[in-house]
Protein backbone atom coordinates (compact mmCIF):
# COMPACT_ATOMS: atom_id res chain seq x y z
CA UNK A 1 -113.18 214.46 -8.77
CA UNK A 2 -113.02 212.35 -5.56
CA UNK A 3 -116.57 213.37 -4.55
CA UNK A 4 -117.97 211.72 -7.64
CA UNK A 5 -116.31 208.52 -7.06
CA UNK A 6 -118.36 205.62 -5.53
CA UNK A 7 -116.68 204.01 -2.71
CA UNK A 8 -117.80 200.81 -0.96
CA UNK A 9 -119.23 201.46 2.41
CA UNK A 10 -116.93 200.56 5.36
CA UNK A 11 -117.52 196.93 6.74
CA UNK A 12 -117.69 197.97 10.43
CA UNK A 13 -118.73 194.42 11.54
CA UNK A 14 -115.76 192.72 9.83
CA UNK A 15 -113.23 195.39 11.01
CA UNK A 16 -114.47 195.38 14.50
CA UNK A 17 -114.47 191.52 14.54
CA UNK A 18 -110.72 191.44 13.90
CA UNK A 19 -110.18 194.28 16.51
CA UNK A 20 -112.03 192.03 19.05
CA UNK A 21 -109.98 189.06 18.05
CA UNK A 22 -106.81 190.92 18.61
CA UNK A 23 -107.96 192.69 21.84
CA UNK A 24 -109.82 189.89 23.69
CA UNK A 25 -106.67 188.24 24.92
CA UNK A 26 -105.84 191.34 26.89
CA UNK A 27 -109.03 191.33 28.98
CA UNK A 28 -107.38 191.73 32.30
CA UNK A 29 -105.39 194.88 31.12
CA UNK A 30 -108.64 196.30 29.68
CA UNK A 31 -110.53 195.67 33.03
CA UNK A 32 -108.03 197.38 35.17
CA UNK A 33 -107.76 200.35 32.63
CA UNK A 34 -111.54 200.90 32.79
CA UNK A 35 -111.82 200.58 36.35
CA UNK A 36 -108.96 203.10 36.85
CA UNK A 37 -110.54 205.43 34.14
CA UNK A 38 -113.66 205.31 36.14
CA UNK A 39 -111.89 206.60 39.33
CA UNK A 40 -110.08 209.27 37.31
CA UNK A 41 -113.67 210.56 36.11
CA UNK A 42 -115.07 210.34 39.50
CA UNK A 43 -112.45 212.68 41.01
CA UNK A 44 -113.54 215.43 38.55
CA UNK A 45 -116.84 215.30 40.10
CA UNK A 46 -115.76 215.02 43.51
CA UNK A 47 -113.78 218.25 43.56
CA UNK A 48 -116.92 219.97 42.38
CA UNK A 49 -118.77 218.65 45.43
CA UNK A 50 -116.02 219.96 47.67
CA UNK A 51 -116.35 223.34 45.94
CA UNK A 52 -120.14 223.13 46.34
CA UNK A 53 -119.81 222.34 50.27
CA UNK A 54 -117.24 225.18 50.53
CA UNK A 55 -119.93 227.73 49.06
CA UNK A 56 -122.75 226.41 51.40
CA UNK A 57 -120.60 226.46 54.53
CA UNK A 58 -119.25 229.80 53.43
CA UNK A 59 -122.70 231.13 52.97
CA UNK A 60 -123.65 229.99 56.43
CA UNK A 61 -120.68 231.73 57.98
CA UNK A 62 -121.24 234.88 56.14
CA UNK A 63 -124.96 234.81 57.46
CA UNK A 64 -123.56 234.28 60.96
CA UNK A 65 -125.18 230.77 61.43
CA UNK A 66 -121.80 229.01 61.69
CA UNK A 67 -118.93 229.90 64.06
CA UNK A 68 -115.51 230.77 62.96
CA UNK A 69 -113.85 227.88 64.59
CA UNK A 70 -116.36 225.36 63.15
CA UNK A 71 -115.92 226.95 59.81
CA UNK A 72 -112.06 226.77 60.14
CA UNK A 73 -112.29 223.00 60.92
CA UNK A 74 -114.47 222.38 57.87
CA UNK A 75 -112.06 224.22 55.64
CA UNK A 76 -109.26 222.21 56.85
CA UNK A 77 -111.26 219.13 56.29
CA UNK A 78 -112.32 220.20 52.87
CA UNK A 79 -108.64 221.09 51.96
CA UNK A 80 -107.48 217.54 52.99
CA UNK A 81 -110.30 216.05 51.11
CA UNK A 82 -109.26 218.08 48.03
CA UNK A 83 -105.52 217.19 48.44
CA UNK A 84 -106.48 213.40 48.54
CA UNK A 85 -108.66 213.73 45.42
CA UNK A 86 -105.69 215.34 43.56
CA UNK A 87 -103.20 212.68 44.64
CA UNK A 88 -105.75 209.96 43.77
CA UNK A 89 -106.38 211.50 40.40
CA UNK A 90 -102.55 211.89 39.75
CA UNK A 91 -101.75 208.24 40.71
CA UNK A 92 -104.76 206.78 38.80
CA UNK A 93 -103.85 208.82 35.75
CA UNK A 94 -100.32 207.41 35.84
CA UNK A 95 -101.52 203.88 36.17
CA UNK A 96 -104.20 204.47 33.34
CA UNK A 97 -101.59 205.70 30.91
CA UNK A 98 -99.21 203.00 31.68
CA UNK A 99 -101.90 200.36 31.13
CA UNK A 100 -102.90 202.06 27.90
CA UNK A 101 -99.31 202.20 26.48
CA UNK A 102 -98.89 198.52 27.40
CA UNK A 103 -102.21 197.60 25.55
CA UNK A 104 -101.59 199.68 22.41
CA UNK A 105 -97.97 198.62 21.81
CA UNK A 106 -99.00 195.06 21.98
CA UNK A 107 -102.06 195.58 19.80
CA UNK A 108 -100.02 197.39 17.13
CA UNK A 109 -97.42 194.58 17.13
CA UNK A 110 -100.09 191.91 16.90
CA UNK A 111 -101.82 193.64 14.02
CA UNK A 112 -98.69 194.25 11.96
CA UNK A 113 -97.36 190.46 12.54
CA UNK A 114 -100.80 189.29 11.62
CA UNK A 115 -100.96 191.31 8.41
CA UNK A 116 -97.28 191.06 7.47
CA UNK A 117 -97.66 187.15 7.93
CA UNK A 118 -100.68 187.15 5.75
CA UNK A 119 -99.32 189.46 2.94
CA UNK A 120 -96.02 187.66 2.68
CA UNK A 121 -97.76 184.37 2.10
CA UNK A 122 -100.16 185.66 -0.39
CA UNK A 123 -99.76 184.40 -3.98
CA UNK A 124 -97.18 185.69 -6.41
CA UNK A 125 -99.99 187.05 -8.60
CA UNK A 126 -101.15 189.41 -5.76
CA UNK A 127 -97.67 190.90 -5.45
CA UNK A 128 -97.25 191.48 -8.99
CA UNK A 129 -100.87 193.16 -9.24
CA UNK A 130 -100.55 195.46 -5.99
CA UNK A 131 -98.01 198.19 -5.84
CA UNK A 132 -95.44 197.97 -2.92
CA UNK A 133 -96.04 201.58 -1.96
CA UNK A 134 -99.68 201.02 -1.44
CA UNK A 135 -99.09 197.92 0.69
CA UNK A 136 -96.59 199.76 2.92
CA UNK A 137 -99.01 202.70 3.16
CA UNK A 138 -101.84 200.67 4.28
CA UNK A 139 -99.77 198.48 6.69
CA UNK A 140 -98.35 201.55 8.42
CA UNK A 141 -101.68 203.39 8.34
CA UNK A 142 -103.42 200.29 9.92
CA UNK A 143 -100.91 200.29 12.73
CA UNK A 144 -101.76 203.82 13.63
CA UNK A 145 -105.53 203.01 13.17
CA UNK A 146 -105.36 200.32 15.98
CA UNK A 147 -103.61 202.84 18.20
CA UNK A 148 -106.23 205.52 17.24
CA UNK A 149 -109.21 203.13 17.80
CA UNK A 150 -108.09 202.10 21.18
CA UNK A 151 -107.51 205.75 22.10
CA UNK A 152 -111.01 206.48 20.76
CA UNK A 153 -112.60 204.04 23.22
CA UNK A 154 -110.55 204.93 26.23
CA UNK A 155 -110.08 208.58 25.89
CA UNK A 156 -113.17 209.68 24.22
CA UNK A 157 -116.13 207.20 24.39
CA UNK A 158 -115.45 205.81 28.03
CA UNK A 159 -114.98 209.27 29.76
CA UNK A 160 -118.06 210.53 28.15
CA UNK A 161 -119.99 207.61 29.25
CA UNK A 162 -118.63 207.69 32.80
CA UNK A 163 -119.08 211.43 33.07
CA UNK A 164 -122.70 211.25 31.96
CA UNK A 165 -123.45 208.49 34.45
CA UNK A 166 -121.77 210.21 37.25
CA UNK A 167 -123.03 213.75 36.51
CA UNK A 168 -126.64 212.64 35.82
CA UNK A 169 -126.48 210.46 38.99
CA UNK A 170 -125.48 213.32 41.03
CA UNK A 171 -127.88 215.83 39.49
CA UNK A 172 -130.80 213.47 40.16
CA UNK A 173 -130.04 213.92 43.82
CA UNK A 174 -130.23 217.58 43.65
CA UNK A 175 -132.34 218.48 40.57
CA UNK A 176 -134.02 215.85 38.22
CA UNK A 177 -134.93 218.50 35.68
CA UNK A 178 -131.37 219.55 35.22
CA UNK A 179 -130.36 216.00 35.07
CA UNK A 180 -132.91 215.30 32.10
CA UNK A 181 -131.79 218.37 30.37
CA UNK A 182 -128.16 217.31 30.44
CA UNK A 183 -129.02 213.60 29.25
CA UNK A 184 -131.22 215.16 26.38
CA UNK A 185 -128.38 217.41 25.23
CA UNK A 186 -125.85 214.61 25.36
CA UNK A 187 -128.13 212.38 23.39
CA UNK A 188 -128.80 215.12 20.58
CA UNK A 189 -125.16 215.93 20.46
CA UNK A 190 -124.16 212.25 19.98
CA UNK A 191 -127.04 211.51 17.51
CA UNK A 192 -125.92 214.52 15.33
CA UNK A 193 -122.14 213.50 15.53
CA UNK A 194 -122.98 210.00 14.21
CA UNK A 195 -125.16 211.42 11.48
CA UNK A 196 -122.50 213.76 10.08
CA UNK A 197 -119.78 211.19 10.49
CA UNK A 198 -121.64 208.53 8.58
CA UNK A 199 -122.12 210.96 5.73
CA UNK A 200 -118.54 211.54 5.35
CA UNK A 201 -117.20 207.91 5.50
CA UNK A 202 -117.38 207.45 1.68
CA UNK A 203 -115.30 210.75 1.25
CA UNK A 204 -112.91 209.34 3.79
CA UNK A 205 -112.26 206.29 1.96
CA UNK A 206 -111.89 208.11 -1.34
CA UNK A 207 -109.24 210.34 0.39
CA UNK A 208 -107.51 207.19 1.65
CA UNK A 209 -107.40 205.70 -1.83
CA UNK A 210 -106.08 208.76 -3.43
CA UNK A 211 -103.39 208.98 -0.84
CA UNK A 212 -102.38 205.36 -1.46
CA UNK A 213 -102.20 205.99 -5.07
CA UNK A 214 -100.10 208.94 -4.45
CA UNK A 215 -97.68 207.04 -2.29
CA UNK A 216 -97.40 204.09 -4.73
CA UNK A 217 -96.41 206.72 -7.42
CA UNK A 218 -93.82 208.23 -5.15
CA UNK A 219 -92.45 204.83 -4.59
CA UNK A 220 -92.36 203.85 -8.02
CA UNK A 221 -90.53 207.20 -8.89
CA UNK A 222 -87.86 206.83 -6.44
CA UNK A 223 -87.32 203.18 -6.94
CA UNK A 224 -86.65 204.16 -10.55
CA UNK A 225 -84.79 207.36 -9.96
CA UNK A 226 -81.89 206.13 -12.08
CA UNK A 227 -84.22 206.17 -15.19
CA UNK A 228 -85.50 209.63 -14.37
CA UNK A 229 -81.81 210.92 -14.18
CA UNK A 230 -80.50 209.11 -17.08
CA UNK A 231 -83.24 210.41 -19.45
CA UNK A 232 -83.36 213.97 -17.81
CA UNK A 233 -87.16 213.63 -16.98
CA UNK A 234 -87.35 215.42 -13.67
CA UNK A 235 -89.71 217.97 -14.90
CA UNK A 236 -91.97 215.30 -16.52
CA UNK A 237 -91.78 213.16 -13.42
CA UNK A 238 -92.76 216.16 -11.42
CA UNK A 239 -95.81 216.77 -13.29
CA UNK A 240 -96.91 213.14 -13.03
CA UNK A 241 -96.55 213.54 -9.18
CA UNK A 242 -98.41 216.64 -9.20
CA UNK A 243 -101.40 215.07 -10.90
CA UNK A 244 -101.72 212.56 -8.05
CA UNK A 245 -100.89 215.16 -5.40
CA UNK A 246 -103.72 217.29 -6.49
CA UNK A 247 -106.09 214.46 -6.65
CA UNK A 248 -105.19 213.61 -3.13
CA UNK A 249 -105.62 217.26 -1.99
CA UNK A 250 -109.03 217.51 -3.61
CA UNK A 251 -110.09 214.19 -1.99
CA UNK A 252 -109.24 215.50 1.43
CA UNK A 253 -110.63 218.93 0.84
CA UNK A 254 -114.01 217.35 0.20
CA UNK A 255 -113.71 215.07 3.09
CA UNK A 256 -112.78 217.74 5.74
CA UNK A 257 -115.49 220.14 4.44
CA UNK A 258 -118.07 217.78 6.26
CA UNK A 259 -116.96 219.07 9.51
CA UNK A 260 -118.01 222.64 8.81
CA UNK A 261 -121.56 221.37 9.51
CA UNK A 262 -120.38 219.37 12.54
CA UNK A 263 -119.04 222.39 14.22
CA UNK A 264 -122.05 224.53 13.53
CA UNK A 265 -124.39 222.08 14.70
CA UNK A 266 -122.72 221.29 17.96
CA UNK A 267 -122.49 224.99 18.90
CA UNK A 268 -126.18 225.21 18.36
CA UNK A 269 -127.08 222.20 20.40
CA UNK A 270 -124.75 223.05 23.34
CA UNK A 271 -126.16 226.57 23.14
CA UNK A 272 -129.72 225.60 23.62
CA UNK A 273 -128.61 222.98 26.19
CA UNK A 274 -127.01 225.69 28.31
CA UNK A 275 -130.14 227.97 27.96
CA UNK A 276 -132.54 225.32 29.39
CA UNK A 277 -129.98 224.50 31.97
CA UNK A 278 -129.82 227.83 33.13
CA UNK A 279 -133.58 228.50 33.02
CA UNK A 280 -134.89 225.81 35.44
CA UNK A 281 -132.29 226.23 38.34
CA UNK A 282 -132.53 230.04 38.21
CA UNK A 283 -136.28 229.81 38.42
CA UNK A 284 -135.91 227.41 41.47
CA UNK A 285 -133.39 229.85 42.98
CA UNK A 286 -135.87 232.69 42.70
CA UNK A 287 -138.51 230.38 44.34
CA UNK A 288 -136.16 229.71 47.11
CA UNK A 289 -136.18 225.94 46.64
CA UNK A 290 -132.57 225.85 45.54
CA UNK A 291 -129.49 227.39 47.00
CA UNK A 292 -126.82 229.38 45.14
CA UNK A 293 -124.24 226.66 45.69
CA UNK A 294 -126.47 224.03 44.05
CA UNK A 295 -126.96 226.34 41.05
CA UNK A 296 -123.16 226.86 40.75
CA UNK A 297 -122.71 223.10 41.09
CA UNK A 298 -125.12 222.36 38.20
CA UNK A 299 -123.36 224.90 35.91
CA UNK A 300 -119.96 223.64 37.00
CA UNK A 301 -120.65 219.96 36.21
CA UNK A 302 -122.25 220.84 32.87
CA UNK A 303 -118.83 222.25 32.07
CA UNK A 304 -117.60 218.74 33.04
CA UNK A 305 -119.70 217.39 30.37
CA UNK A 306 -118.67 219.85 27.65
CA UNK A 307 -115.08 218.62 27.42
CA UNK A 308 -115.95 214.97 26.93
CA UNK A 309 -118.73 215.86 24.47
CA UNK A 310 -116.18 217.42 22.29
CA UNK A 311 -113.77 214.75 23.12
CA UNK A 312 -116.40 212.31 22.02
CA UNK A 313 -116.83 214.17 18.78
CA UNK A 314 -113.06 214.25 18.16
CA UNK A 315 -113.01 210.65 19.03
CA UNK A 316 -115.86 209.83 16.56
CA UNK A 317 -113.91 211.41 13.85
CA UNK A 318 -110.96 209.14 14.75
CA UNK A 319 -113.21 206.28 14.93
CA UNK A 320 -114.37 206.66 11.39
CA UNK A 321 -110.98 207.51 10.19
CA UNK A 322 -109.47 204.38 12.01
CA UNK A 323 -112.27 202.41 10.44
CA UNK A 324 -111.47 203.69 6.91
CA UNK A 325 -107.79 203.05 7.52
CA UNK A 326 -108.55 199.47 8.71
CA UNK A 327 -110.89 198.96 5.85
CA UNK A 328 -108.18 199.77 3.28
CA UNK A 329 -105.79 197.24 5.11
CA UNK A 330 -108.46 194.59 5.66
CA UNK A 331 -109.24 194.48 1.99
CA UNK A 332 -105.87 192.54 1.78
CA UNK A 333 -106.99 190.43 4.82
CA UNK A 334 -109.90 189.30 2.74
CA UNK A 335 -107.66 188.25 -0.02
CA UNK A 336 -107.37 184.47 0.03
CA UNK A 337 -104.20 182.74 -1.18
CA UNK A 338 -104.54 181.49 -4.67
CA UNK A 339 -102.07 178.91 -4.22
CA UNK A 340 -103.19 176.58 -1.25
CA UNK A 341 -101.56 173.63 0.35
CA UNK A 342 -103.68 170.51 0.16
CA UNK A 343 -105.01 169.47 3.65
CA UNK A 344 -102.50 166.51 3.67
CA UNK A 345 -99.61 168.20 2.16
CA UNK A 346 -96.34 167.02 3.37
CA UNK A 347 -92.73 168.49 3.41
CA UNK A 348 -90.66 167.66 0.31
CA UNK A 349 -87.18 166.46 0.28
CA UNK A 350 -85.56 166.25 -3.12
CA UNK A 351 -82.93 163.50 -3.33
CA UNK A 352 -82.51 162.72 -7.06
CA UNK A 353 -83.92 165.73 -8.93
CA UNK A 354 -85.88 164.01 -11.80
CA UNK A 355 -88.56 166.53 -12.98
CA UNK A 356 -91.54 165.61 -15.10
CA UNK A 357 -94.10 167.86 -16.84
CA UNK A 358 -97.13 165.94 -17.77
CA UNK A 359 -99.45 167.38 -20.25
CA UNK A 360 -99.06 170.77 -18.66
CA UNK A 361 -101.73 173.51 -19.77
CA UNK A 362 -101.69 176.89 -18.41
CA UNK A 363 -103.52 180.07 -19.07
CA UNK A 364 -102.50 183.48 -17.82
CA UNK A 365 -105.80 185.42 -17.57
CA UNK A 366 -107.34 184.36 -20.97
CA UNK A 367 -104.12 183.73 -22.83
CA UNK A 368 -102.87 180.26 -23.21
CA UNK A 369 -99.09 180.25 -22.31
CA UNK A 370 -98.57 176.41 -22.35
CA UNK A 371 -100.66 173.96 -24.15
CA UNK A 372 -100.18 170.13 -23.45
CA UNK A 373 -96.62 170.55 -22.43
CA UNK A 374 -94.96 167.43 -21.53
CA UNK A 375 -91.17 166.95 -20.63
CA UNK A 376 -88.99 164.74 -18.63
CA UNK A 377 -85.80 166.40 -17.08
CA UNK A 378 -83.58 163.51 -15.93
CA UNK A 379 -81.71 163.81 -12.78
CA UNK A 380 -78.21 165.45 -12.83
CA UNK A 381 -78.70 166.62 -16.41
CA UNK A 382 -78.48 170.16 -17.90
CA UNK A 383 -81.54 171.15 -19.62
CA UNK A 384 -81.73 174.47 -21.57
CA UNK A 385 -84.83 176.10 -22.84
CA UNK A 386 -84.52 178.41 -25.72
CA UNK A 387 -87.07 180.25 -27.95
CA UNK A 388 -88.47 183.75 -28.80
CA UNK A 389 -89.87 186.07 -26.07
CA UNK A 390 -93.47 184.86 -24.95
CA UNK A 391 -92.65 181.22 -25.87
CA UNK A 392 -93.32 180.21 -22.20
CA UNK A 393 -89.76 179.57 -20.94
CA UNK A 394 -89.95 181.69 -17.61
CA UNK A 395 -93.48 180.30 -17.21
CA UNK A 396 -92.15 176.78 -16.93
CA UNK A 397 -89.79 178.20 -13.84
CA UNK A 398 -92.79 179.90 -12.18
CA UNK A 399 -94.96 176.83 -12.62
CA UNK A 400 -92.26 174.67 -11.12
CA UNK A 401 -91.88 176.96 -8.04
CA UNK A 402 -95.84 176.79 -8.02
CA UNK A 403 -96.16 180.48 -8.20
CA UNK A 404 -99.32 179.60 -10.24
CA UNK A 405 -101.45 176.52 -10.29
CA UNK A 406 -101.95 174.60 -13.57
CA UNK A 407 -105.25 174.49 -15.56
CA UNK A 408 -104.43 170.82 -16.42
CA UNK A 409 -101.82 168.20 -16.11
CA UNK A 410 -99.12 167.91 -13.45
CA UNK A 411 -95.50 168.51 -12.52
CA UNK A 412 -93.67 165.89 -10.37
CA UNK A 413 -90.19 165.79 -8.80
CA UNK A 414 -88.91 162.47 -7.91
CA UNK A 415 -92.40 161.19 -8.66
CA UNK A 416 -94.08 163.66 -6.03
CA UNK A 417 -96.88 165.79 -7.58
CA UNK A 418 -95.83 169.34 -6.29
CA UNK A 419 -99.51 170.00 -5.52
CA UNK A 420 -99.23 167.37 -2.78
CA UNK A 421 -96.43 168.99 -1.03
CA UNK A 422 -96.22 172.19 1.16
CA UNK A 423 -95.19 174.85 -1.20
CA UNK A 424 -92.73 176.46 1.07
CA UNK A 425 -90.70 173.33 1.50
CA UNK A 426 -90.98 172.91 -2.41
CA UNK A 427 -89.43 176.29 -3.03
CA UNK A 428 -86.79 175.94 -0.21
CA UNK A 429 -85.67 172.70 -1.98
CA UNK A 430 -84.99 174.55 -5.25
CA UNK A 431 -82.16 176.99 -5.92
CA UNK A 432 -82.08 179.83 -8.38
CA UNK A 433 -79.70 182.33 -10.16
CA UNK A 434 -82.04 184.97 -11.55
CA UNK A 435 -81.33 187.40 -14.31
CA UNK A 436 -81.34 190.12 -11.95
CA UNK A 437 -80.27 189.49 -8.28
CA UNK A 438 -82.34 191.80 -6.19
CA UNK A 439 -80.64 192.22 -2.72
CA UNK A 440 -81.62 193.39 0.52
CA UNK A 441 -80.32 196.62 2.13
CA UNK A 442 -78.06 194.59 4.44
CA UNK A 443 -74.51 193.37 4.54
CA UNK A 444 -73.05 191.47 1.98
CA UNK A 445 -72.49 188.32 4.15
CA UNK A 446 -76.13 188.53 5.28
CA UNK A 447 -77.43 188.65 1.74
CA UNK A 448 -75.52 185.46 0.83
CA UNK A 449 -76.68 183.70 4.16
CA UNK A 450 -80.41 184.42 3.21
CA UNK A 451 -80.59 181.34 1.36
CA UNK A 452 -79.33 179.27 4.37
CA UNK A 453 -79.52 181.14 7.66
CA UNK A 454 -78.12 178.12 9.61
CA UNK A 455 -74.91 178.18 7.66
CA UNK A 456 -71.62 178.72 9.47
CA UNK A 457 -69.38 181.66 8.91
CA UNK A 458 -66.92 179.17 7.35
CA UNK A 459 -69.48 177.89 4.99
CA UNK A 460 -70.46 181.33 3.93
CA UNK A 461 -66.94 182.46 3.25
CA UNK A 462 -66.58 179.04 1.16
CA UNK A 463 -69.45 180.16 -1.01
CA UNK A 464 -68.04 183.50 -1.63
CA UNK A 465 -64.75 181.99 -2.65
CA UNK A 466 -66.48 179.72 -4.83
CA UNK A 467 -68.25 182.60 -6.61
CA UNK A 468 -64.88 184.41 -6.65
CA UNK A 469 -66.39 187.17 -4.49
CA UNK A 470 -63.45 187.16 -2.11
CA UNK A 471 -61.39 188.97 -4.74
CA UNK A 472 -64.06 191.63 -4.91
CA UNK A 473 -64.73 191.97 -1.07
CA UNK A 474 -61.09 192.38 -0.12
CA UNK A 475 -61.26 195.90 -1.85
CA UNK A 476 -64.48 196.92 0.26
CA UNK A 477 -63.71 199.06 3.30
CA UNK A 478 -65.81 196.83 5.63
CA UNK A 479 -65.14 193.66 3.51
CA UNK A 480 -68.08 191.22 3.78
CA UNK A 481 -69.80 193.45 6.32
CA UNK A 482 -70.40 196.16 3.61
CA UNK A 483 -74.06 197.45 3.38
CA UNK A 484 -74.93 196.77 -0.37
CA UNK A 485 -77.73 199.44 -0.38
CA UNK A 486 -81.40 199.15 -1.42
CA UNK A 487 -81.75 196.44 -4.24
CA UNK A 488 -77.95 195.96 -4.13
CA UNK A 489 -77.60 199.45 -5.75
CA UNK A 490 -73.96 199.73 -4.53
CA UNK A 491 -72.73 196.76 -6.39
CA UNK A 492 -72.08 196.30 -10.17
CA UNK A 493 -74.20 193.87 -12.27
CA UNK A 494 -71.49 191.27 -12.09
CA UNK A 495 -70.96 191.53 -8.32
CA UNK A 496 -74.59 191.12 -7.64
CA UNK A 497 -74.60 187.92 -9.86
CA UNK A 498 -71.56 186.66 -7.80
CA UNK A 499 -73.84 187.06 -4.78
CA UNK A 500 -76.56 185.20 -6.35
CA UNK A 501 -74.17 182.30 -7.29
CA UNK A 502 -72.73 182.46 -3.74
CA UNK A 503 -76.27 182.21 -2.30
CA UNK A 504 -77.08 179.23 -4.70
CA UNK A 505 -74.05 177.46 -3.64
CA UNK A 506 -74.67 177.91 0.13
CA UNK A 507 -78.32 176.70 -0.45
CA UNK A 508 -76.72 173.54 -1.84
CA UNK A 509 -80.00 172.17 -3.45
CA UNK A 510 -80.31 169.21 -5.93
CA UNK A 511 -82.23 171.37 -8.43
CA UNK A 512 -80.72 174.51 -9.82
CA UNK A 513 -82.41 177.14 -12.09
CA UNK A 514 -80.45 179.65 -14.08
CA UNK A 515 -82.90 182.13 -15.41
CA UNK A 516 -81.03 184.56 -17.96
CA UNK A 517 -78.34 184.47 -15.29
CA UNK A 518 -75.74 186.25 -17.53
CA UNK A 519 -77.90 188.18 -20.14
CA UNK A 520 -77.17 191.66 -18.50
CA UNK A 521 -73.49 191.26 -18.18
CA UNK A 522 -70.73 192.42 -20.40
CA UNK A 523 -68.75 189.63 -22.34
CA UNK A 524 -65.74 189.56 -20.05
CA UNK A 525 -67.81 189.30 -16.72
CA UNK A 526 -70.15 186.80 -18.42
CA UNK A 527 -67.21 184.48 -19.43
CA UNK A 528 -65.94 184.56 -15.77
CA UNK A 529 -69.31 183.90 -14.43
CA UNK A 530 -70.09 181.14 -16.95
CA UNK A 531 -67.10 179.22 -15.49
CA UNK A 532 -68.56 179.68 -11.90
CA UNK A 533 -71.92 178.55 -13.06
CA UNK A 534 -70.43 175.58 -14.89
CA UNK A 535 -68.85 174.38 -11.53
CA UNK A 536 -72.01 175.15 -9.73
CA UNK A 537 -74.19 172.93 -12.07
CA UNK A 538 -72.04 169.86 -11.55
CA UNK A 539 -73.97 167.02 -9.83
CA UNK A 540 -77.23 169.01 -9.91
CA UNK A 541 -80.31 168.85 -12.06
CA UNK A 542 -80.03 172.15 -13.95
CA UNK A 543 -82.75 174.18 -15.68
CA UNK A 544 -81.20 176.95 -17.91
CA UNK A 545 -83.15 179.74 -19.50
CA UNK A 546 -81.36 181.58 -22.17
CA UNK A 547 -81.58 183.76 -25.25
CA UNK A 548 -77.77 183.65 -25.85
CA UNK A 549 -77.34 180.32 -27.36
CA UNK A 550 -73.61 180.36 -26.82
CA UNK A 551 -74.29 179.99 -23.06
CA UNK A 552 -76.13 176.81 -23.50
CA UNK A 553 -74.07 174.88 -26.20
CA UNK A 554 -72.90 172.23 -23.64
CA UNK A 555 -76.33 171.44 -22.15
CA UNK A 556 -77.24 167.82 -22.17
CA UNK A 557 -80.69 168.59 -23.61
CA UNK A 558 -81.94 171.82 -25.44
CA UNK A 559 -85.54 172.26 -25.57
CA UNK A 560 -86.70 174.82 -28.29
CA UNK A 561 -90.10 176.51 -27.60
CA UNK A 562 -92.44 178.59 -29.53
CA UNK A 563 -96.02 179.55 -28.49
CA UNK A 564 -96.09 177.42 -25.55
CA UNK A 565 -95.06 174.24 -27.31
CA UNK A 566 -91.91 172.11 -27.66
CA UNK A 567 -90.98 172.45 -31.38
CA UNK A 568 -87.39 170.83 -31.10
CA UNK A 569 -85.39 168.98 -28.65
CA UNK A 570 -81.96 167.62 -28.73
CA UNK A 571 -78.21 168.54 -28.22
CA UNK A 572 -76.69 171.54 -29.84
CA UNK A 573 -74.82 169.46 -32.50
CA UNK A 574 -78.08 167.81 -33.44
CA UNK A 575 -80.10 170.95 -33.55
CA UNK A 576 -77.78 172.84 -35.76
CA UNK A 577 -77.76 170.18 -38.33
CA UNK A 578 -81.53 170.15 -38.85
CA UNK A 579 -83.76 172.79 -40.35
CA UNK A 580 -85.89 174.63 -37.72
CA UNK A 581 -86.21 177.46 -35.27
CA UNK A 582 -82.91 176.67 -33.26
CA UNK A 583 -80.91 176.71 -36.50
CA UNK A 584 -82.50 179.98 -37.40
CA UNK A 585 -81.72 181.41 -34.03
CA UNK A 586 -78.07 180.15 -34.08
CA UNK A 587 -77.48 181.82 -37.60
CA UNK A 588 -79.05 185.11 -36.25
CA UNK A 589 -76.81 185.11 -33.16
CA UNK A 590 -73.62 183.49 -34.47
CA UNK A 591 -72.03 186.88 -35.57
CA UNK A 592 -72.82 188.74 -32.38
CA UNK A 593 -72.08 186.12 -29.70
CA UNK A 594 -70.15 183.09 -31.02
CA UNK A 595 -66.45 183.47 -31.95
């Protein structure tokens, strides 16, 4: 149950610190907003003073101590004053809302930009260990939290502060006892609100975490909806979702239950406040030391405080909710990138493409994936890595891309240690055709141009022709402007691989990685794409990861791996003529893949 789950307390200092960093560059906007807000709140007291004056003069007129002509002149003056108050309130309200809209839209954008930039630059391991649905949920909710937090300060906290100052200041002039009653009532109300809201903050965090888990599951299910349909598991999937949905429901029920005590306590506090506020002025009225107009004024301005008090309470809930939302998001902000550029890192420009692995050792968690791995990949050569699953082939590629840092050893390209260059420049100097080309939900043309946004339209079409995509595209209704769908779902496996090849040729890099580039394709499509890949590899240093040995027969060097070590190395002809793992794998596959 959510209520039994221990949640970390909200780090208010950290969250408000980031909020201050975002908002402090808008000091002028905030100053104008607060000044206008003060004027707005003052108008709510000003019209009560007009009403008080009206009652006082009306009483004098009824008693015969004020002539009709003088009373009419006073009425006209009060009417004019009231109209000016209404116009002032209307104009200042417009200005206030304009300034708030300006401030909040900028703050939301600043937060999202800051967090998106941070998230997209976090290490590969962060993104493999955190569900996309949770990241999206927290980022969107964090944007709403910044808006909510700003609204709380401007619409809830500031009005109560201003109203208390203005009302108490006015009441001190008329009746200091009533002013003290109102100040005491406001103080007790606020203290009780803080107390209950502090109690519920862990329940709020638990509810948020339950909701994040639910959204992550929903995202995972709909991302894999093909599997659900193919295996007829709609009912099973529905039950899986219901489990997370009920957990979220229970967590929110427990969280919201705190507000029963809040509502009951507030009713009690305001009731006793009103009782004492009625008692003292009525006693003075009976003594003849206070006019009926002053009594009405005191009761009326107490009503002025009631609205902002409940507004403050509502705002306080919003404050804690926003803090909980920001806490969830800023957990990511506290995550440091595991892969850091060195202080003196410089951009990398690969000219030859010679790659060296020098005594490389790498552990993933506690398991050794590579041990003392050394290999030289000469420039313009095709080097293939083969071996059973878990041998370390794909890890070599990830280490080359510096998705992870080494435990020991080094990797150099053209003599430059990849730890000494900027990681973004390193990756931008490499080109890859992965096993599964995952595309953006964008046009075919934009997906190809992703590898080189500065490429001309002519260069994009040349890359498409190289990958034989032009033959496919001519049958599409919108040609190269066709939207490929989420993850490229509207394209076949072969079509997506051709997009991947077109991307690689448009990138035009000296080092090319083929990571199981044809393993998911049918034999005919594979044969066609292998021809494209053979042309793509010319004049480049090529690293080929493959299970199908037929695809790497013509590699210059074949590296056979097992348990993170090189166990054989040579050409295809050399390796099939010596006993070892390669010959064993060749004999197993020859019937299935080799004619």
